[in-house]
Amino acid sequence: MKLADAVHFSAAVTKVFQTMVGLDVKTDAPKVLSEGSPTADVTGIVTFAGDLVGAMILSFPTPVVRDLVKRFADLDCDVKDPNFLDAVGELANMVAGGAKSRFEGYDASISVPTVVCGPAHHVNRHKSAPWVVVPAFCEAGRFVVAMSLQGKKR
């Protein structure tokens, strides 16, 4: 994946959060992270298969994700509550799906989302692709959208 392709994820997170959460999201320029994992306290993970292989994550500090889930699903509960985790997964799923639809000429599918919570967790990247990290912020606070994708265009 080219660094310029991060624009698909920036556009998707902006649209999803504006439509589903009611917040305007601003994104900073994407950065390459070749070592480590760009994770915070709660991370939604969606994997890609087909012409795009790898993963996309949405990762949030706990106070930020609690605010977002309250706005999105009207849930005010523990971050380990299954309904809370489902809401985070659904946000990740919508962002990944929105970004996937912007990759013209690629036949790719996305997985059911997985959510990991807890400090100091690590999400592995695709072995051939570094993490491309897009810092994002909104009224609720700062978070990241990151992707590690290897593409083969038809």
Protein backbone atom coordinates (compact mmCIF):
# COMPACT_ATOMS: atom_id res chain seq x y z
CA MET A 1 0.00 0.00 0.00
CA LYS A 2 1.23 3.45 -0.86
CA LEU A 3 1.27 6.15 1.79
CA ALA A 4 -1.13 8.11 -0.40
CA ASP A 5 -3.73 5.32 -0.02
CA ALA A 6 -4.19 6.34 3.61
CA VAL A 7 -6.54 9.02 2.26
CA HIS A 8 -9.16 6.27 1.80
CA PHE A 9 -9.10 5.54 5.52
CA SER A 10 -9.07 9.24 6.46
CA ALA A 11 -12.13 9.83 4.30
CA ALA A 12 -13.92 6.77 5.68
CA VAL A 13 -13.34 7.64 9.35
CA THR A 14 -14.44 11.22 8.71
CA LYS A 15 -17.66 10.10 7.02
CA VAL A 16 -18.51 7.32 9.50
CA PHE A 17 -17.94 9.47 12.56
CA GLN A 18 -19.86 12.41 11.13
CA THR A 19 -22.81 10.21 10.12
CA MET A 20 -22.93 7.67 12.95
CA VAL A 21 -21.39 9.47 15.92
CA GLY A 22 -22.32 13.05 15.07
CA LEU A 23 -18.76 14.35 15.34
CA ASP A 24 -16.44 16.04 12.88
CA VAL A 25 -13.09 14.27 12.69
CA LYS A 26 -9.88 15.91 11.55
CA THR A 27 -6.89 13.84 10.51
CA ASP A 28 -3.19 14.62 10.42
CA ALA A 29 -0.81 13.51 7.69
CA PRO A 30 -0.17 9.76 7.63
CA LYS A 31 3.09 8.45 9.06
CA VAL A 32 4.93 5.18 8.59
CA LEU A 33 5.59 3.14 11.71
CA SER A 34 7.98 0.30 10.88
CA GLU A 35 8.38 -0.96 14.45
CA GLY A 36 5.95 -1.45 17.30
CA SER A 37 2.18 -1.23 17.28
CA PRO A 38 0.09 1.97 17.12
CA THR A 39 -2.35 0.85 19.81
CA ALA A 40 -3.92 2.56 22.81
CA ASP A 41 -6.35 1.01 25.36
CA VAL A 42 -9.16 -0.27 23.12
CA THR A 43 -8.57 -1.40 19.53
CA GLY A 44 -11.00 -2.52 16.84
CA ILE A 45 -9.30 -4.74 14.23
CA VAL A 46 -10.55 -5.65 10.76
CA THR A 47 -8.50 -7.85 8.46
CA PHE A 48 -8.44 -7.72 4.67
CA ALA A 49 -8.12 -10.64 2.24
CA GLY A 50 -7.98 -10.93 -1.55
CA ASP A 51 -6.23 -8.21 -3.55
CA LEU A 52 -5.60 -6.32 -0.27
CA VAL A 53 -4.08 -8.39 2.53
CA GLY A 54 -3.43 -7.20 6.06
CA ALA A 55 -5.31 -5.26 8.73
CA MET A 56 -6.81 -1.93 9.69
CA ILE A 57 -7.18 -0.81 13.27
CA LEU A 58 -9.01 1.94 15.12
CA SER A 59 -7.36 2.45 18.51
CA PHE A 60 -8.55 4.70 21.32
CA PRO A 61 -7.64 5.76 24.84
CA THR A 62 -10.36 4.65 27.26
CA PRO A 63 -11.92 8.11 27.92
CA VAL A 64 -12.18 8.81 24.18
CA VAL A 65 -13.78 5.49 23.27
CA ARG A 66 -16.24 5.72 26.17
CA ASP A 67 -17.44 9.10 24.87
CA LEU A 68 -17.67 7.84 21.28
CA VAL A 69 -19.62 4.69 22.19
CA LYS A 70 -22.00 6.76 24.33
CA ARG A 71 -22.73 8.99 21.33
CA PHE A 72 -22.86 6.12 18.82
CA ALA A 73 -24.82 3.47 20.71
CA ASP A 74 -26.09 5.31 23.81
CA LEU A 75 -24.10 2.88 25.99
CA ASP A 76 -22.56 3.98 29.25
CA CYS A 77 -20.99 0.78 30.55
CA ASP A 78 -17.66 -0.88 31.25
CA VAL A 79 -15.31 -1.13 28.28
CA LYS A 80 -15.27 -4.92 28.69
CA ASP A 81 -19.05 -5.21 28.41
CA PRO A 82 -19.92 -7.26 25.30
CA ASN A 83 -22.27 -4.57 23.98
CA PHE A 84 -19.56 -1.94 24.35
CA LEU A 85 -17.07 -4.14 22.48
CA ASP A 86 -19.65 -4.79 19.74
CA ALA A 87 -20.11 -1.03 19.27
CA VAL A 88 -16.35 -0.51 18.91
CA GLY A 89 -16.21 -3.40 16.43
CA GLU A 90 -19.04 -1.93 14.41
CA LEU A 91 -17.26 1.43 14.13
CA ALA A 92 -14.11 -0.36 12.94
CA ASN A 93 -16.16 -2.42 10.48
CA MET A 94 -17.82 0.66 8.96
CA VAL A 95 -14.50 2.49 8.58
CA ALA A 96 -12.83 -0.55 6.98
CA GLY A 97 -15.79 -1.10 4.65
CA GLY A 98 -15.87 2.56 3.67
CA ALA A 99 -12.15 2.56 2.90
CA LYS A 100 -12.34 -0.74 1.00
CA SER A 101 -14.99 0.67 -1.31
CA ARG A 102 -12.59 3.47 -2.33
CA PHE A 103 -9.86 1.11 -3.59
CA GLU A 104 -10.79 0.90 -7.28
CA GLY A 105 -9.50 -2.13 -9.17
CA TYR A 106 -9.09 -4.27 -6.04
CA ASP A 107 -11.21 -7.28 -5.17
CA ALA A 108 -10.95 -7.56 -1.40
CA SER A 109 -13.06 -8.77 1.47
CA ILE A 110 -13.02 -7.78 5.13
CA SER A 111 -13.40 -9.89 8.25
CA VAL A 112 -15.77 -9.67 11.14
CA PRO A 113 -14.17 -7.17 13.53
CA THR A 114 -12.25 -8.18 16.63
CA VAL A 115 -11.82 -5.89 19.62
CA VAL A 116 -8.92 -5.99 22.07
CA CYS A 117 -8.93 -3.97 25.26
CA GLY A 118 -6.35 -3.34 27.91
CA PRO A 119 -3.19 -1.28 28.14
CA ALA A 120 0.00 -2.33 26.37
CA HIS A 121 -1.58 -4.71 23.86
CA HIS A 122 0.14 -5.26 20.51
CA VAL A 123 -1.36 -5.88 17.07
CA ASN A 124 0.96 -7.47 14.53
CA ARG A 125 1.33 -5.89 11.11
CA HIS A 126 1.49 -7.66 7.75
CA LYS A 127 5.01 -9.04 7.35
CA SER A 128 5.57 -7.08 4.12
CA ALA A 129 3.90 -3.81 5.05
CA PRO A 130 4.63 -1.32 7.82
CA TRP A 131 1.85 0.32 9.77
CA VAL A 132 0.63 3.51 8.12
CA VAL A 133 -0.77 5.57 10.98
CA VAL A 134 -3.29 8.38 10.55
CA PRO A 135 -3.63 10.42 13.76
CA ALA A 136 -7.22 11.61 14.18
CA PHE A 137 -9.00 13.91 16.59
CA CYS A 138 -12.51 15.08 17.35
CA GLU A 139 -14.37 16.67 20.21
CA ALA A 140 -14.07 13.40 22.18
CA GLY A 141 -10.28 13.37 21.88
CA ARG A 142 -7.41 11.85 19.90
CA PHE A 143 -7.24 8.35 18.40
CA VAL A 144 -5.57 6.57 15.49
CA VAL A 145 -6.57 4.82 12.32
CA ALA A 146 -3.78 2.55 11.13
CA MET A 147 -3.42 0.08 8.31
CA SER A 148 -0.86 -2.48 7.27
CA LEU A 149 -1.86 -3.67 3.82
CA GLN A 150 -0.15 -5.39 0.94
CA GLY A 151 -1.98 -4.87 -2.34
CA LYS A 152 -1.98 -6.56 -5.71
CA LYS A 153 -3.99 -4.61 -8.25
CA ARG A 154 -5.65 -6.55 -11.04
